[in-house]
């Protein structure tokens, strides 16, 4: 079994180059970095650039539909008309639409639909984060955690991860758990790490499911040892394709079967 200190090397350590979101609208893409994660009002998918547009979920789509200009921008973005989308997002962002603020920020950072302007992109990303958009808060925190476009500041990252995590943003929950486990940006606290890993696991994150299972397998840090619960979390991670979780599930199943009382003949 891997010791908890080894987990953080594997979980949530994505750079901005593997970060964020794809396309809103009826055909919304909702997938997340490395291990599918979900947020209350936005989604993300792996990307090769620092970050791409656009937050994706029914709530985000509703936010776009409430503002015709943002909805038009989404349609243009989906159609590949990036210069028009960028102008429309800019105009809607100037009126305070937080989805437009986030998407305009990402287009500026990536240089989509025009030249790149990271400083301006960060400004609009901060606006979306200040408007309580959980995915913007996560992305803004990730910049500080990784030192992308800004000086590395794990404590600043911690504040933004916490804001997003409290809204149920699964990637932020995982990032927060990693920080508590490492003592990065905050005091080391394995109990808090477990709390946030479990939250992310309940939100469907594969890595968090594995780590939560490991906590229950070994016990300690206020977590009662429970092999049946551990096996259930390993099963959940295995169902999402984690080969190590599948092996752990098989091992625990065999162990529990051997320790089960013999049935009367």
C-alpha atoms as a PDB file:
ATOM      1  CA  UNK A   1       0.000   0.000   0.000  1.00  0.00           C
ATOM      2  CA  UNK A   2       1.249   3.432  -0.861  1.00  0.00           C
ATOM      3  CA  UNK A   3       1.822   5.718   2.094  1.00  0.00           C
ATOM      4  CA  UNK A   4      -0.268   8.927   2.045  1.00  0.00           C
ATOM      5  CA  UNK A   5       2.841  11.044   1.540  1.00  0.00           C
ATOM      6  CA  UNK A   6       3.300   9.423  -1.863  1.00  0.00           C
ATOM      7  CA  UNK A   7      -0.198  10.263  -3.048  1.00  0.00           C
ATOM      8  CA  UNK A   8       0.293  13.966  -3.580  1.00  0.00           C
ATOM      9  CA  UNK A   9       2.948  13.302  -6.183  1.00  0.00           C
ATOM     10  CA  UNK A  10       0.231  11.756  -8.311  1.00  0.00           C
ATOM     11  CA  UNK A  11      -2.939  13.653  -7.571  1.00  0.00           C
ATOM     12  CA  UNK A  12      -3.957  17.036  -8.802  1.00  0.00           C
ATOM     13  CA  UNK A  13      -0.507  18.024 -10.008  1.00  0.00           C
ATOM     14  CA  UNK A  14      -1.575  19.324 -13.378  1.00  0.00           C
ATOM     15  CA  UNK A  15      -0.033  22.434 -14.852  1.00  0.00           C
ATOM     16  CA  UNK A  16      -1.977  25.141 -16.566  1.00  0.00           C
ATOM     17  CA  UNK A  17      -1.056  23.370 -19.772  1.00  0.00           C
ATOM     18  CA  UNK A  18      -3.358  20.518 -18.814  1.00  0.00           C
ATOM     19  CA  UNK A  19      -6.110  22.589 -17.377  1.00  0.00           C
ATOM     20  CA  UNK A  20      -9.503  23.659 -18.341  1.00  0.00           C
ATOM     21  CA  UNK A  21     -12.531  24.001 -20.147  1.00  0.00           C
ATOM     22  CA  UNK A  22     -13.963  23.241 -23.538  1.00  0.00           C
ATOM     23  CA  UNK A  23     -17.225  24.346 -25.075  1.00  0.00           C
ATOM     24  CA  UNK A  24     -20.563  25.491 -23.669  1.00  0.00           C
ATOM     25  CA  UNK A  25     -23.925  25.119 -25.321  1.00  0.00           C
ATOM     26  CA  UNK A  26     -26.283  22.297 -26.023  1.00  0.00           C
ATOM     27  CA  UNK A  27     -23.333  20.106 -26.937  1.00  0.00           C
ATOM     28  CA  UNK A  28     -21.424  20.884 -23.739  1.00  0.00           C
ATOM     29  CA  UNK A  29     -18.280  18.915 -23.095  1.00  0.00           C
ATOM     30  CA  UNK A  30     -17.875  18.049 -19.457  1.00  0.00           C
ATOM     31  CA  UNK A  31     -14.641  16.237 -18.691  1.00  0.00           C
ATOM     32  CA  UNK A  32     -11.797  17.047 -16.392  1.00  0.00           C
ATOM     33  CA  UNK A  33      -8.083  16.868 -15.979  1.00  0.00           C
ATOM     34  CA  UNK A  34      -6.748  13.371 -15.606  1.00  0.00           C
ATOM     35  CA  UNK A  35      -9.639  12.105 -13.470  1.00  0.00           C
ATOM     36  CA  UNK A  36     -13.194  13.233 -14.292  1.00  0.00           C
ATOM     37  CA  UNK A  37     -14.193  15.980 -11.877  1.00  0.00           C
ATOM     38  CA  UNK A  38     -17.302  18.032 -11.635  1.00  0.00           C
ATOM     39  CA  UNK A  39     -18.241  21.506 -10.488  1.00  0.00           C
ATOM     40  CA  UNK A  40     -21.541  23.097  -9.662  1.00  0.00           C
ATOM     41  CA  UNK A  41     -21.405  25.639 -12.441  1.00  0.00           C
ATOM     42  CA  UNK A  42     -18.583  24.751 -14.763  1.00  0.00           C
ATOM     43  CA  UNK A  43     -16.548  21.937 -16.250  1.00  0.00           C
ATOM     44  CA  UNK A  44     -13.142  21.328 -17.707  1.00  0.00           C
ATOM     45  CA  UNK A  45     -11.217  19.071 -20.010  1.00  0.00           C
ATOM     46  CA  UNK A  46      -7.544  18.428 -20.588  1.00  0.00           C
ATOM     47  CA  UNK A  47      -5.959  20.955 -22.903  1.00  0.00           C
ATOM     48  CA  UNK A  48      -2.592  21.467 -24.493  1.00  0.00           C
ATOM     49  CA  UNK A  49      -2.625  25.221 -23.926  1.00  0.00           C
ATOM     50  CA  UNK A  50      -2.492  27.107 -20.633  1.00  0.00           C
ATOM     51  CA  UNK A  51      -6.278  27.095 -20.520  1.00  0.00           C
ATOM     52  CA  UNK A  52      -9.077  27.021 -23.004  1.00  0.00           C
ATOM     53  CA  UNK A  53     -12.615  28.169 -23.105  1.00  0.00           C
ATOM     54  CA  UNK A  54     -15.348  27.466 -21.996  1.00  0.00           C
ATOM     55  CA  UNK A  55     -17.124  26.516 -18.754  1.00  0.00           C
ATOM     56  CA  UNK A  56     -19.564  23.725 -19.444  1.00  0.00           C
ATOM     57  CA  UNK A  57     -22.648  22.565 -17.579  1.00  0.00           C
ATOM     58  CA  UNK A  58     -26.362  23.167 -17.515  1.00  0.00           C
ATOM     59  CA  UNK A  59     -25.915  26.035 -15.062  1.00  0.00           C
ATOM     60  CA  UNK A  60     -23.237  27.611 -17.219  1.00  0.00           C
ATOM     61  CA  UNK A  61     -25.327  27.143 -20.348  1.00  0.00           C
ATOM     62  CA  UNK A  62     -28.246  28.768 -18.544  1.00  0.00           C
ATOM     63  CA  UNK A  63     -25.973  31.661 -17.647  1.00  0.00           C
ATOM     64  CA  UNK A  64     -25.182  32.063 -21.345  1.00  0.00           C
ATOM     65  CA  UNK A  65     -28.822  31.815 -22.388  1.00  0.00           C
ATOM     66  CA  UNK A  66     -29.742  34.568 -19.955  1.00  0.00           C
ATOM     67  CA  UNK A  67     -27.496  36.898 -21.935  1.00  0.00           C
ATOM     68  CA  UNK A  68     -28.010  36.842 -25.726  1.00  0.00           C
ATOM     69  CA  UNK A  69     -24.553  38.229 -26.456  1.00  0.00           C
ATOM     70  CA  UNK A  70     -22.878  35.520 -24.394  1.00  0.00           C
ATOM     71  CA  UNK A  71     -25.044  32.894 -26.090  1.00  0.00           C
ATOM     72  CA  UNK A  72     -23.993  34.261 -29.485  1.00  0.00           C
ATOM     73  CA  UNK A  73     -20.358  34.177 -28.404  1.00  0.00           C
ATOM     74  CA  UNK A  74     -20.717  30.542 -27.395  1.00  0.00           C
ATOM     75  CA  UNK A  75     -22.282  29.711 -30.753  1.00  0.00           C
ATOM     76  CA  UNK A  76     -19.490  31.493 -32.616  1.00  0.00           C
ATOM     77  CA  UNK A  77     -16.856  29.741 -30.522  1.00  0.00           C
ATOM     78  CA  UNK A  78     -18.418  26.359 -31.236  1.00  0.00           C
ATOM     79  CA  UNK A  79     -18.512  27.194 -34.935  1.00  0.00           C
ATOM     80  CA  UNK A  80     -14.830  28.113 -34.924  1.00  0.00           C
ATOM     81  CA  UNK A  81     -15.423  31.816 -35.469  1.00  0.00           C
ATOM     82  CA  UNK A  82     -13.012  32.795 -32.721  1.00  0.00           C
ATOM     83  CA  UNK A  83     -12.455  36.507 -33.513  1.00  0.00           C
ATOM     84  CA  UNK A  84     -16.212  37.140 -33.358  1.00  0.00           C
ATOM     85  CA  UNK A  85     -16.562  35.051 -30.196  1.00  0.00           C
ATOM     86  CA  UNK A  86     -13.775  36.983 -28.525  1.00  0.00           C
ATOM     87  CA  UNK A  87     -15.364  40.345 -29.314  1.00  0.00           C
ATOM     88  CA  UNK A  88     -18.749  39.174 -28.056  1.00  0.00           C
ATOM     89  CA  UNK A  89     -17.289  37.699 -24.877  1.00  0.00           C
ATOM     90  CA  UNK A  90     -15.427  40.953 -24.301  1.00  0.00           C
ATOM     91  CA  UNK A  91     -18.599  43.002 -24.638  1.00  0.00           C
ATOM     92  CA  UNK A  92     -20.599  40.687 -22.373  1.00  0.00           C
ATOM     93  CA  UNK A  93     -17.761  40.576 -19.851  1.00  0.00           C
ATOM     94  CA  UNK A  94     -17.750  44.365 -19.728  1.00  0.00           C
ATOM     95  CA  UNK A  95     -21.394  44.146 -18.654  1.00  0.00           C
ATOM     96  CA  UNK A  96     -20.531  41.759 -15.829  1.00  0.00           C
ATOM     97  CA  UNK A  97     -21.514  38.354 -17.214  1.00  0.00           C
ATOM     98  CA  UNK A  98     -19.214  36.049 -15.275  1.00  0.00           C
ATOM     99  CA  UNK A  99     -19.237  33.250 -17.853  1.00  0.00           C
ATOM    100  CA  UNK A 100     -18.177  35.790 -20.469  1.00  0.00           C
ATOM    101  CA  UNK A 101     -15.513  37.121 -18.092  1.00  0.00           C
ATOM    102  CA  UNK A 102     -14.057  33.640 -17.691  1.00  0.00           C
ATOM    103  CA  UNK A 103     -14.200  32.781 -21.383  1.00  0.00           C
ATOM    104  CA  UNK A 104     -12.761  36.111 -22.469  1.00  0.00           C
ATOM    105  CA  UNK A 105      -9.958  35.603 -19.951  1.00  0.00           C
ATOM    106  CA  UNK A 106      -9.135  32.183 -21.348  1.00  0.00           C
ATOM    107  CA  UNK A 107      -9.141  33.436 -24.933  1.00  0.00           C
ATOM    108  CA  UNK A 108      -6.764  36.230 -23.953  1.00  0.00           C
ATOM    109  CA  UNK A 109      -4.423  33.856 -22.145  1.00  0.00           C
ATOM    110  CA  UNK A 110      -4.430  31.422 -25.060  1.00  0.00           C
ATOM    111  CA  UNK A 111      -4.317  33.993 -27.820  1.00  0.00           C
ATOM    112  CA  UNK A 112      -7.519  32.603 -29.332  1.00  0.00           C
ATOM    113  CA  UNK A 113      -9.276  34.887 -31.772  1.00  0.00           C
ATOM    114  CA  UNK A 114      -6.487  37.462 -31.499  1.00  0.00           C
ATOM    115  CA  UNK A 115      -3.188  38.128 -29.824  1.00  0.00           C
ATOM    116  CA  UNK A 116      -2.379  36.743 -26.393  1.00  0.00           C
ATOM    117  CA  UNK A 117      -2.480  39.122 -23.437  1.00  0.00           C
ATOM    118  CA  UNK A 118      -1.815  37.209 -20.242  1.00  0.00           C
ATOM    119  CA  UNK A 119      -1.966  40.228 -17.939  1.00  0.00           C
ATOM    120  CA  UNK A 120      -5.359  41.263 -19.281  1.00  0.00           C
ATOM    121  CA  UNK A 121      -6.512  37.654 -19.173  1.00  0.00           C
ATOM    122  CA  UNK A 122      -5.564  37.375 -15.517  1.00  0.00           C
ATOM    123  CA  UNK A 123      -7.509  40.549 -14.796  1.00  0.00           C
ATOM    124  CA  UNK A 124     -10.703  39.107 -16.280  1.00  0.00           C
ATOM    125  CA  UNK A 125     -10.130  35.739 -14.672  1.00  0.00           C
ATOM    126  CA  UNK A 126      -9.925  37.479 -11.297  1.00  0.00           C
ATOM    127  CA  UNK A 127     -13.195  39.266 -12.044  1.00  0.00           C
ATOM    128  CA  UNK A 128     -14.926  35.943 -12.699  1.00  0.00           C
ATOM    129  CA  UNK A 129     -13.399  34.489  -9.545  1.00  0.00           C
ATOM    130  CA  UNK A 130     -14.535  37.493  -7.515  1.00  0.00           C
ATOM    131  CA  UNK A 131     -18.012  36.962  -8.991  1.00  0.00           C
ATOM    132  CA  UNK A 132     -17.982  33.580  -7.209  1.00  0.00           C
ATOM    133  CA  UNK A 133     -17.585  31.394 -10.296  1.00  0.00           C
ATOM    134  CA  UNK A 134     -16.104  28.248  -8.777  1.00  0.00           C
ATOM    135  CA  UNK A 135     -14.153  27.139 -11.824  1.00  0.00           C
ATOM    136  CA  UNK A 136     -12.608  30.586 -12.219  1.00  0.00           C
ATOM    137  CA  UNK A 137     -11.604  30.432  -8.556  1.00  0.00           C
ATOM    138  CA  UNK A 138      -9.992  27.034  -9.104  1.00  0.00           C
ATOM    139  CA  UNK A 139      -8.107  28.131 -12.225  1.00  0.00           C
ATOM    140  CA  UNK A 140      -6.956  31.337 -10.544  1.00  0.00           C
ATOM    141  CA  UNK A 141      -5.715  29.338  -7.568  1.00  0.00           C
ATOM    142  CA  UNK A 142      -4.004  26.845  -9.846  1.00  0.00           C
ATOM    143  CA  UNK A 143      -1.992  29.645 -11.418  1.00  0.00           C
ATOM    144  CA  UNK A 144      -0.586  30.505  -7.987  1.00  0.00           C
ATOM    145  CA  UNK A 145      -0.084  26.880  -6.988  1.00  0.00           C
ATOM    146  CA  UNK A 146       1.922  26.119 -10.134  1.00  0.00           C
ATOM    147  CA  UNK A 147       3.535  29.541 -10.574  1.00  0.00           C
ATOM    148  CA  UNK A 148       2.112  29.921 -14.071  1.00  0.00           C
ATOM    149  CA  UNK A 149       2.108  33.575 -15.216  1.00  0.00           C
ATOM    150  CA  UNK A 150       2.558  34.652 -11.579  1.00  0.00           C
ATOM    151  CA  UNK A 151       5.028  34.047  -8.789  1.00  0.00           C
ATOM    152  CA  UNK A 152       4.320  30.764  -7.045  1.00  0.00           C
ATOM    153  CA  UNK A 153       2.267  31.409  -3.926  1.00  0.00           C
ATOM    154  CA  UNK A 154       0.727  28.248  -2.410  1.00  0.00           C
ATOM    155  CA  UNK A 155      -0.915  30.243   0.400  1.00  0.00           C
ATOM    156  CA  UNK A 156      -2.729  32.414  -2.141  1.00  0.00           C
ATOM    157  CA  UNK A 157      -3.672  29.279  -4.064  1.00  0.00           C
ATOM    158  CA  UNK A 158      -5.045  27.749  -0.876  1.00  0.00           C
ATOM    159  CA  UNK A 159      -7.458  30.628  -0.381  1.00  0.00           C
ATOM    160  CA  UNK A 160      -8.880  30.277  -3.885  1.00  0.00           C
ATOM    161  CA  UNK A 161      -9.040  26.491  -3.748  1.00  0.00           C
ATOM    162  CA  UNK A 162     -10.991  26.789  -0.500  1.00  0.00           C
ATOM    163  CA  UNK A 163     -13.490  29.208  -2.050  1.00  0.00           C
ATOM    164  CA  UNK A 164     -14.099  26.864  -4.984  1.00  0.00           C
ATOM    165  CA  UNK A 165     -14.121  23.708  -2.867  1.00  0.00           C
ATOM    166  CA  UNK A 166     -16.792  25.146  -0.590  1.00  0.00           C
ATOM    167  CA  UNK A 167     -18.967  25.396  -3.694  1.00  0.00           C
ATOM    168  CA  UNK A 168     -18.440  21.720  -4.487  1.00  0.00           C
ATOM    169  CA  UNK A 169     -15.799  22.110  -7.196  1.00  0.00           C
ATOM    170  CA  UNK A 170     -14.232  18.659  -7.258  1.00  0.00           C
ATOM    171  CA  UNK A 171     -10.875  19.633  -8.744  1.00  0.00           C
ATOM    172  CA  UNK A 172     -10.526  22.290  -6.055  1.00  0.00           C
ATOM    173  CA  UNK A 173     -11.436  19.756  -3.369  1.00  0.00           C
ATOM    174  CA  UNK A 174      -8.684  17.476  -4.641  1.00  0.00           C
ATOM    175  CA  UNK A 175      -6.164  20.328  -4.852  1.00  0.00           C
ATOM    176  CA  UNK A 176      -7.056  21.402  -1.321  1.00  0.00           C
ATOM    177  CA  UNK A 177      -6.621  17.852  -0.029  1.00  0.00           C
ATOM    178  CA  UNK A 178      -3.179  17.686  -1.625  1.00  0.00           C
ATOM    179  CA  UNK A 179      -2.177  20.929   0.062  1.00  0.00           C
ATOM    180  CA  UNK A 180      -3.301  19.724   3.479  1.00  0.00           C
ATOM    181  CA  UNK A 181      -1.459  16.443   2.976  1.00  0.00           C
ATOM    182  CA  UNK A 182       1.747  18.206   1.911  1.00  0.00           C
ATOM    183  CA  UNK A 183       1.542  21.177   4.254  1.00  0.00           C
ATOM    184  CA  UNK A 184       1.799  23.337   1.144  1.00  0.00           C
ATOM    185  CA  UNK A 185       0.224  26.771   1.501  1.00  0.00           C
ATOM    186  CA  UNK A 186      -1.250  25.729   4.833  1.00  0.00           C
ATOM    187  CA  UNK A 187      -0.338  23.721   7.908  1.00  0.00           C
ATOM    188  CA  UNK A 188      -0.122  20.002   7.306  1.00  0.00           C
ATOM    189  CA  UNK A 189      -3.347  18.369   8.483  1.00  0.00           C
ATOM    190  CA  UNK A 190      -4.096  14.771   7.523  1.00  0.00           C
ATOM    191  CA  UNK A 191      -7.604  14.970   8.972  1.00  0.00           C
ATOM    192  CA  UNK A 192      -8.435  17.901   6.713  1.00  0.00           C
ATOM    193  CA  UNK A 193      -6.752  16.124   3.817  1.00  0.00           C
ATOM    194  CA  UNK A 194      -8.987  13.107   4.361  1.00  0.00           C
ATOM    195  CA  UNK A 195     -12.074  15.309   4.618  1.00  0.00           C
ATOM    196  CA  UNK A 196     -11.431  16.912   1.236  1.00  0.00           C
ATOM    197  CA  UNK A 197     -10.287  13.701  -0.450  1.00  0.00           C
ATOM    198  CA  UNK A 198     -13.540  12.100   0.635  1.00  0.00           C
ATOM    199  CA  UNK A 199     -15.547  15.062  -0.658  1.00  0.00           C
ATOM    200  CA  UNK A 200     -13.807  14.793  -4.028  1.00  0.00           C
ATOM    201  CA  UNK A 201     -14.323  11.026  -4.021  1.00  0.00           C
ATOM    202  CA  UNK A 202     -18.026  11.488  -3.424  1.00  0.00           C
ATOM    203  CA  UNK A 203     -18.006  13.915  -6.347  1.00  0.00           C
ATOM    204  CA  UNK A 204     -16.714  11.139  -8.603  1.00  0.00           C
ATOM    205  CA  UNK A 205     -12.983  11.829  -8.759  1.00  0.00           C
ATOM    206  CA  UNK A 206     -11.117   8.598  -9.460  1.00  0.00           C
ATOM    207  CA  UNK A 207      -7.865   9.508  -7.732  1.00  0.00           C
ATOM    208  CA  UNK A 208      -9.674  10.793  -4.650  1.00  0.00           C
ATOM    209  CA  UNK A 209     -11.619   7.535  -4.510  1.00  0.00           C
ATOM    210  CA  UNK A 210      -8.370   5.574  -4.468  1.00  0.00           C
ATOM    211  CA  UNK A 211      -6.805   7.790  -1.807  1.00  0.00           C
ATOM    212  CA  UNK A 212      -9.932   7.668   0.352  1.00  0.00           C
ATOM    213  CA  UNK A 213      -9.868   3.891   0.105  1.00  0.00           C
ATOM    214  CA  UNK A 214      -6.240   3.928   1.228  1.00  0.00           C
ATOM    215  CA  UNK A 215      -7.114   6.015   4.273  1.00  0.00           C
ATOM    216  CA  UNK A 216      -9.786   3.502   5.279  1.00  0.00           C
ATOM    217  CA  UNK A 217      -7.471   0.575   4.588  1.00  0.00           C
ATOM    218  CA  UNK A 218      -4.741   1.784   6.928  1.00  0.00           C
ATOM    219  CA  UNK A 219      -6.819   3.731   9.485  1.00  0.00           C
ATOM    220  CA  UNK A 220      -5.419   6.493  11.656  1.00  0.00           C
ATOM    221  CA  UNK A 221      -5.619  10.293  11.564  1.00  0.00           C
ATOM    222  CA  UNK A 222      -9.128  10.024  12.967  1.00  0.00           C
ATOM    223  CA  UNK A 223     -10.201   7.605  10.245  1.00  0.00           C
ATOM    224  CA  UNK A 224     -11.408   4.211  11.498  1.00  0.00           C
ATOM    225  CA  UNK A 225      -9.859   1.244   9.752  1.00  0.00           C
ATOM    226  CA  UNK A 226     -12.586  -0.378   7.676  1.00  0.00           C
ATOM    227  CA  UNK A 227     -11.603  -2.778   4.926  1.00  0.00           C
ATOM    228  CA  UNK A 228     -15.128  -3.100   3.575  1.00  0.00           C
ATOM    229  CA  UNK A 229     -15.404   0.652   3.096  1.00  0.00           C
ATOM    230  CA  UNK A 230     -11.899   0.731   1.629  1.00  0.00           C
ATOM    231  CA  UNK A 231     -12.863  -1.977  -0.837  1.00  0.00           C
ATOM    232  CA  UNK A 232     -15.938   0.000  -1.896  1.00  0.00           C
ATOM    233  CA  UNK A 233     -13.837   3.073  -2.690  1.00  0.00           C
ATOM    234  CA  UNK A 234     -11.295   0.966  -4.572  1.00  0.00           C
ATOM    235  CA  UNK A 235     -14.171  -0.543  -6.538  1.00  0.00           C
ATOM    236  CA  UNK A 236     -15.417   2.924  -7.471  1.00  0.00           C
ATOM    237  CA  UNK A 237     -11.964   3.967  -8.694  1.00  0.00           C
ATOM    238  CA  UNK A 238     -11.487   0.658 -10.508  1.00  0.00           C
ATOM    239  CA  UNK A 239     -14.795   1.156 -12.307  1.00  0.00           C
ATOM    240  CA  UNK A 240     -13.331   4.365 -13.754  1.00  0.00           C
ATOM    241  CA  UNK A 241     -10.271   2.538 -15.043  1.00  0.00           C
ATOM    242  CA  UNK A 242      -7.677   2.788 -12.257  1.00  0.00           C
ATOM    243  CA  UNK A 243      -5.637  -0.434 -12.585  1.00  0.00           C
ATOM    244  CA  UNK A 244      -4.013  -0.083  -9.152  1.00  0.00           C
ATOM    245  CA  UNK A 245      -7.427   0.358  -7.543  1.00  0.00           C
ATOM    246  CA  UNK A 246      -8.603  -2.768  -9.339  1.00  0.00           C
ATOM    247  CA  UNK A 247      -5.679  -4.710  -7.892  1.00  0.00           C
ATOM    248  CA  UNK A 248      -6.354  -3.341  -4.397  1.00  0.00           C
ATOM    249  CA  UNK A 249     -10.015  -4.293  -4.733  1.00  0.00           C
ATOM    250  CA  UNK A 250      -9.064  -7.840  -5.682  1.00  0.00           C
ATOM    251  CA  UNK A 251      -6.558  -8.115  -2.836  1.00  0.00           C
ATOM    252  CA  UNK A 252      -8.996  -6.833  -0.226  1.00  0.00           C
ATOM    253  CA  UNK A 253     -11.764  -9.056  -1.561  1.00  0.00           C
ATOM    254  CA  UNK A 254      -9.529 -12.098  -1.133  1.00  0.00           C
ATOM    255  CA  UNK A 255      -8.415 -10.941   2.316  1.00  0.00           C
ATOM    256  CA  UNK A 256     -11.977 -10.367   3.499  1.00  0.00           C
ATOM    257  CA  UNK A 257     -13.107 -13.693   2.133  1.00  0.00           C
ATOM    258  CA  UNK A 258     -10.366 -15.514   4.049  1.00  0.00           C
ATOM    259  CA  UNK A 259     -11.214 -13.714   7.275  1.00  0.00           C
ATOM    260  CA  UNK A 260     -14.957 -14.307   6.981  1.00  0.00           C
ATOM    261  CA  UNK A 261     -16.344 -16.823   9.503  1.00  0.00           C
ATOM    262  CA  UNK A 262     -16.915 -20.274   8.094  1.00  0.00           C
ATOM    263  CA  UNK A 263     -20.504 -21.019   7.171  1.00  0.00           C
ATOM    264  CA  UNK A 264     -22.130 -23.840   9.158  1.00  0.00           C
ATOM    265  CA  UNK A 265     -22.480 -27.050   7.193  1.00  0.00           C
END
